[in-house]
Protein backbone atom coordinates (compact mmCIF):
# COMPACT_ATOMS: atom_id res chain seq x y z
CA MET A 1 -0.25 -0.10 0.13
CA THR A 2 1.71 3.36 -1.10
CA GLN A 3 1.61 5.71 1.88
CA LYS A 4 0.33 9.19 1.73
CA ASN A 5 1.55 12.19 2.86
CA ILE A 6 -1.54 14.25 3.96
CA LEU A 7 -1.01 18.15 4.50
CA PHE A 8 -3.07 19.29 7.72
CA GLU A 9 -5.64 21.16 6.09
CA ASP A 10 -9.25 21.62 4.73
CA SER A 11 -8.44 18.78 2.28
CA ALA A 12 -7.23 16.13 4.74
CA VAL A 13 -10.71 16.59 6.36
CA LYS A 14 -12.51 15.98 3.26
CA GLU A 15 -10.14 12.84 2.31
CA VAL A 16 -11.51 11.44 5.85
CA LEU A 17 -14.77 12.48 4.90
CA LYS A 18 -14.57 10.65 1.61
CA VAL A 19 -13.73 7.29 3.33
CA LEU A 20 -16.74 7.59 5.94
CA ARG A 21 -18.94 7.89 3.01
CA SER A 22 -17.62 5.24 1.16
CA LYS A 23 -17.61 2.72 4.10
CA PHE A 24 -20.50 3.77 5.93
CA ASN A 25 -22.65 6.27 3.68
CA TYR A 26 -21.90 9.07 6.27
CA ALA A 27 -23.83 12.26 5.15
CA TRP A 28 -22.73 15.36 6.97
CA HIS A 29 -23.67 18.99 5.95
CA THR A 30 -21.26 21.32 7.65
CA TYR A 31 -17.84 21.40 9.59
CA LYS A 32 -16.07 23.92 11.82
CA LEU A 33 -12.32 23.91 11.80
CA ILE A 34 -10.88 24.04 15.58
CA ASN A 35 -7.54 23.94 17.39
CA LYS A 36 -5.35 25.62 14.86
CA ASN A 37 -7.56 24.06 11.88
CA ARG A 38 -6.05 20.64 12.91
CA TYR A 39 -9.55 19.64 14.24
CA ALA A 40 -13.04 19.53 12.85
CA ILE A 41 -16.27 19.12 14.38
CA VAL A 42 -18.66 17.77 11.63
CA LYS A 43 -22.40 17.87 11.64
CA GLY A 44 -24.29 14.50 10.26
CA TRP A 45 -27.26 14.79 8.03
CA GLY A 46 -29.41 12.37 10.19
CA SER A 47 -26.14 10.81 11.38
CA GLU A 48 -24.06 11.26 14.51
CA ASN A 49 -21.91 14.37 14.86
CA ILE A 50 -18.38 13.78 14.42
CA ALA A 51 -14.88 14.98 15.30
CA ILE A 52 -11.70 14.60 12.68
CA LEU A 53 -8.17 15.16 14.36
CA LEU A 54 -5.28 15.56 12.06
CA LYS A 55 -1.88 14.46 13.98
CA SER A 56 1.29 14.18 12.87
CA ASP A 57 2.63 11.39 15.03
CA PHE A 58 1.75 9.09 18.00
CA PHE A 59 2.49 9.89 21.60
CA ASN A 60 5.45 7.83 21.45
CA THR A 61 6.69 8.07 24.96
CA PHE A 62 2.94 6.97 26.10
CA GLY A 63 4.04 3.89 27.60
CA GLU A 64 7.05 5.40 29.64
CA LYS A 65 4.49 8.06 30.88
CA PHE A 66 1.90 5.50 32.14
CA SER A 67 4.15 2.57 33.14
CA GLY A 68 2.97 2.93 36.38
CA LEU A 69 -0.79 2.42 35.61
CA GLY A 70 0.14 -0.68 33.27
CA GLU A 71 0.16 1.01 30.07
CA LYS A 72 2.64 0.43 27.43
CA GLY A 73 3.60 1.21 23.74
CA ILE A 74 2.34 4.26 21.50
CA GLY A 75 -0.48 6.69 22.10
CA ASP A 76 -2.54 9.49 21.29
CA SER A 77 -3.54 12.81 23.16
CA ILE A 78 -6.04 15.41 22.95
CA ASN A 79 -6.20 18.54 25.02
CA VAL A 80 -9.15 18.94 27.51
CA GLY A 81 -10.39 21.96 25.73
CA SER A 82 -11.42 20.12 22.56
CA LEU A 83 -12.78 17.13 24.30
CA LYS A 84 -15.19 19.60 26.19
CA GLN A 85 -15.87 21.28 22.84
CA PHE A 86 -16.88 17.66 21.46
CA ILE A 87 -19.04 17.15 24.28
CA SER A 88 -20.94 20.54 23.83
CA GLN A 89 -21.54 19.63 20.04
CA GLU A 90 -22.85 16.27 20.73
CA VAL A 91 -19.84 14.36 19.18
CA ARG A 92 -20.35 10.65 19.31
CA TYR A 93 -16.94 9.32 17.36
CA ILE A 94 -13.43 10.29 17.12
CA TYR A 95 -11.58 9.75 13.87
CA VAL A 96 -7.80 10.52 14.14
CA MET A 97 -5.76 10.60 10.73
CA PHE A 98 -2.25 10.43 11.05
CA ARG A 99 0.43 11.99 8.39
CA ASP A 100 0.81 8.79 6.76
CA GLY A 101 -2.97 8.87 5.61
CA LYS A 102 -3.80 6.19 8.42
CA ILE A 103 -7.39 6.74 9.71
CA TYR A 104 -8.10 5.39 13.30
CA THR A 105 -11.52 5.39 15.12
CA ILE A 106 -13.09 5.26 18.71
CA SER A 107 -16.32 6.79 20.39
CA LEU A 108 -15.85 9.70 22.42
CA PHE A 109 -17.31 7.63 25.37
CA ASP A 110 -14.37 4.95 25.26
CA PHE A 111 -12.06 7.88 25.10
CA LEU A 112 -13.07 9.57 28.03
CA CYS A 113 -13.33 6.42 30.06
CA LYS A 114 -9.89 4.69 28.84
CA SER A 115 -7.74 7.74 28.86
CA HIS A 116 -5.79 9.35 31.52
CA LYS A 117 -5.80 13.14 32.44
CA TRP A 118 -2.75 14.80 32.78
CA VAL A 119 -0.73 18.39 32.90
CA GLN A 120 1.69 18.92 29.72
CA LYS A 121 4.90 21.16 30.66
CA GLU A 122 2.97 24.20 29.19
CA GLY A 123 0.22 23.98 31.49
CA THR A 124 -2.38 22.43 29.09
CA GLU A 125 -4.59 19.59 30.20
CA VAL A 126 -4.60 16.50 28.01
CA ARG A 127 -6.07 13.25 28.26
CA SER A 128 -3.99 10.50 26.66
CA ILE A 129 -4.53 6.77 25.66
CA SER A 130 -3.07 3.83 24.37
CA ILE A 131 -3.36 3.28 20.62
CA HIS A 132 -4.49 -0.09 21.07
CA HIS A 133 -7.79 1.32 22.15
CA TYR A 134 -8.37 2.51 18.53
CA LYS A 135 -9.89 0.52 15.61
CA ARG A 136 -8.06 1.08 12.11
CA LEU A 137 -10.43 2.06 9.52
CA ASN A 138 -8.44 2.11 6.27
C-alpha cells in the first residue's frame, strides 16, 4: 500500500469524509475547523456528529509516561479544551488521521473512559490513551 503524506488542512478533512461516505454512507452538511485547523467538528445529516483530528505523529513515550498504570507502547493525546467542545457539540465518534493517511476511530465515550488526564509542561490539560484502544479504519 502506498503511503500518503497528507497536509494538515481542509483537504485532509475532506479525505476522511470521503472514506466515511464510502465505508458507512456517512452524510454531513457542515464542519467547523478548530484547534489551529487541525481538528474539525462535523455535523451529520441524520447521522452522528463526529470529530476529525489531524495528527503528525503518535505519542511515542505514552508507555513510559503511564507505565505505573500498566500502560505500554504508543498512544495519542487530545487536549481537554477540545474534548469539552466535542461534548458540547454532541460528538459521538472521533476519527484520527495521521500524516501517513491511516485513519483510526474510537467513540468519544470510550476515549473519555479509557484515557488518562494529565498536565503538559506548558500547562495544557490533556487526556492520553493507548493506541490499542483505537480501531484502524483504512
